[in-house]
Protein backbone atom coordinates (compact mmCIF):
# COMPACT_ATOMS: atom_id res chain seq x y z
CA MET A 1 103.28 64.08 111.63
CA GLU A 2 105.45 61.95 109.41
CA GLU A 3 107.94 64.84 109.49
CA LEU A 4 108.62 64.10 113.16
CA ILE A 5 109.18 60.43 112.35
CA ASN A 6 111.66 61.39 109.61
CA ALA A 7 113.51 63.78 111.92
CA ALA A 8 113.72 61.02 114.55
CA ARG A 9 115.05 58.56 111.96
CA SER A 10 117.88 60.89 110.97
CA GLY A 11 118.54 62.17 114.49
CA ASP A 12 117.79 65.78 113.54
CA VAL A 13 117.38 67.05 117.10
CA ALA A 14 117.01 70.68 115.99
CA ARG A 15 114.08 69.74 113.76
CA ILE A 16 112.57 67.51 116.46
CA SER A 17 112.79 70.37 118.95
CA THR A 18 111.14 72.78 116.52
CA LEU A 19 108.35 70.35 115.66
CA LEU A 20 107.65 69.64 119.32
CA ALA A 21 107.68 73.36 120.16
CA ASP A 22 105.16 73.86 117.34
CA GLY A 23 102.83 71.33 118.96
CA ALA A 24 103.72 68.05 117.28
CA ASP A 25 102.54 64.99 119.21
CA VAL A 26 105.63 63.31 120.68
CA ASN A 27 103.68 60.02 120.69
CA PHE A 28 102.37 60.22 117.12
CA ALA A 29 102.31 56.76 115.51
CA ASN A 30 102.51 56.14 111.76
CA GLU A 31 100.57 53.47 109.86
CA LYS A 32 102.93 50.77 111.20
CA GLY A 33 102.51 52.00 114.76
CA HIS A 34 106.02 53.41 114.89
CA THR A 35 106.44 56.39 117.18
CA PRO A 36 109.30 58.87 116.94
CA LEU A 37 110.93 57.18 119.95
CA ILE A 38 110.73 53.74 118.38
CA ILE A 39 112.21 55.06 115.12
CA ALA A 40 114.99 57.03 116.82
CA SER A 41 115.84 53.99 118.96
CA TYR A 42 115.88 51.57 116.01
CA ASN A 43 118.19 53.94 114.14
CA ASN A 44 120.67 54.42 117.01
CA GLN A 45 119.93 58.12 117.40
CA LEU A 46 121.00 58.60 121.03
CA GLU A 47 120.47 62.38 121.22
CA ALA A 48 117.05 62.11 119.60
CA VAL A 49 116.04 59.33 121.99
CA THR A 50 117.04 61.46 124.98
CA LEU A 51 115.22 64.51 123.64
CA LEU A 52 112.04 62.55 122.92
CA LEU A 53 112.05 60.91 126.36
CA ASP A 54 112.60 64.28 128.03
CA ALA A 55 109.65 65.61 125.99
CA GLY A 56 107.37 62.89 127.38
CA ALA A 57 107.59 60.12 124.79
CA ASP A 58 105.90 56.90 125.92
CA VAL A 59 108.85 54.59 126.59
CA ASN A 60 106.51 51.57 126.42
CA ALA A 61 104.69 52.41 123.18
CA LYS A 62 104.28 49.40 120.89
CA ASP A 63 104.17 49.23 117.12
CA ASN A 64 101.52 47.23 115.28
CA GLY A 65 103.48 44.02 115.92
CA GLY A 66 103.72 44.72 119.63
CA ASN A 67 107.40 45.66 119.51
CA THR A 68 108.77 48.32 121.84
CA ALA A 69 111.80 50.55 121.45
CA LEU A 70 113.64 48.34 123.96
CA MET A 71 112.98 45.23 121.89
CA GLY A 72 114.37 46.92 118.81
CA VAL A 73 117.59 48.05 120.44
CA CYS A 74 118.10 44.61 121.99
CA PHE A 75 117.82 43.10 118.52
CA LYS A 76 120.24 45.64 117.07
CA GLY A 77 122.68 45.73 119.98
CA TYR A 78 122.45 49.40 120.99
CA VAL A 79 123.60 49.19 124.61
CA GLU A 80 123.54 52.92 125.37
CA ILE A 81 120.00 53.36 124.15
CA ALA A 82 118.85 50.24 125.97
CA THR A 83 120.32 51.69 129.16
CA ILE A 84 118.51 55.01 128.70
CA LEU A 85 115.21 53.29 127.91
CA LEU A 86 115.50 51.19 131.07
CA GLN A 87 116.37 54.27 133.11
CA HIS A 88 113.17 55.87 131.82
CA GLY A 89 111.01 52.95 132.92
CA SER A 90 110.86 50.70 129.87
CA ASP A 91 108.95 47.53 130.66
CA ILE A 92 111.79 45.04 130.63
CA ASP A 93 109.42 42.07 130.36
CA ALA A 94 106.97 43.44 127.78
CA THR A 95 105.97 40.89 125.14
CA HIS A 96 105.25 41.40 121.46
CA GLY A 97 102.60 39.73 119.32
CA ASN A 98 104.25 36.30 119.50
CA GLY A 99 105.11 36.57 123.18
CA GLY A 100 108.77 37.43 122.59
CA THR A 101 110.67 39.69 124.99
CA ALA A 102 113.65 42.01 124.76
CA LEU A 103 115.71 39.29 126.46
CA MET A 104 114.73 36.80 123.77
CA PHE A 105 115.74 39.25 121.03
CA ALA A 106 119.12 39.82 122.67
CA THR A 107 119.77 36.07 122.99
CA MET A 108 118.67 35.27 119.44
CA PHE A 109 120.96 37.88 117.91
CA GLY A 110 124.02 37.30 120.09
CA ARG A 111 123.79 40.61 121.94
CA ASN A 112 125.28 39.06 125.05
CA ASP A 113 126.30 42.36 126.64
CA ILE A 114 122.62 43.30 126.52
CA VAL A 115 121.60 39.86 127.79
CA GLN A 116 123.79 40.47 130.85
CA MET A 117 122.45 44.01 131.28
CA LEU A 118 118.83 42.85 131.09
CA LEU A 119 119.43 40.07 133.59
CA ASN A 120 121.17 42.52 135.93
CA ALA A 121 118.15 44.81 135.59
CA GLY A 122 115.80 42.01 136.60
CA ALA A 123 114.52 40.60 133.31
CA ASN A 124 112.39 37.50 133.82
CA LYS A 125 114.16 34.66 132.02
CA MET A 126 111.20 32.33 132.63
CA ILE A 127 108.75 34.06 130.28
CA ALA A 128 107.74 31.74 127.45
CA ASP A 129 106.74 32.96 124.01
CA SER A 130 103.65 31.72 122.16
CA SER A 131 105.56 28.58 121.12
CA GLY A 132 106.44 27.80 124.73
CA LEU A 133 110.10 28.71 124.28
CA LEU A 134 112.19 30.53 126.87
CA ALA A 135 115.09 32.88 126.16
CA VAL A 136 117.53 30.02 126.85
CA ASP A 137 115.75 27.92 124.20
CA HIS A 138 116.18 30.70 121.64
CA ALA A 139 119.85 30.99 122.59
CA GLY A 140 120.25 27.25 122.10
CA MET A 141 118.63 27.32 118.65
CA GLN A 142 121.18 29.98 117.66
CA GLY A 143 124.13 28.17 119.23
CA ASN A 144 124.68 31.14 121.55
CA LEU A 145 126.64 29.35 124.24
CA VAL A 146 127.48 32.54 126.13
CA ALA A 147 123.79 33.41 126.51
CA ILE A 148 122.98 29.84 127.53
CA GLU A 149 125.51 30.13 130.34
CA LEU A 150 124.21 33.58 131.36
CA LEU A 151 120.64 32.27 131.45
CA ALA A 152 121.45 29.05 133.33
């Protein structure tokens, strides 16, 4: 159902609705493990994200690298989508293949508004990745002084 992935990428909610009504699997994953929700989230398609979640998309689906939709939007800085994903039960402390979390992504890429939001939502700042590094360590390596202060 690559057509559903493409519609999610472009935010074509009419096409997504039609495909779902015709029986497309809302949790279909392509060869990289990307689901329509992950793709819509990564591409900042707010309406598509909402439609897919309302249609039963797995908010905690992971791609082949272990990345979730929430991790992707924390990397990219999409606050609205991160908020919706959290409201729909996204696992705030999920880890990917190297043990990284959404909070780590936000700190590494200077998405300090998302760092604050994740902390307010209860993100565990004491999770270490496979190298033993915490989110504050990643912030320090990037010189992200705001995140360091938020994580202190």
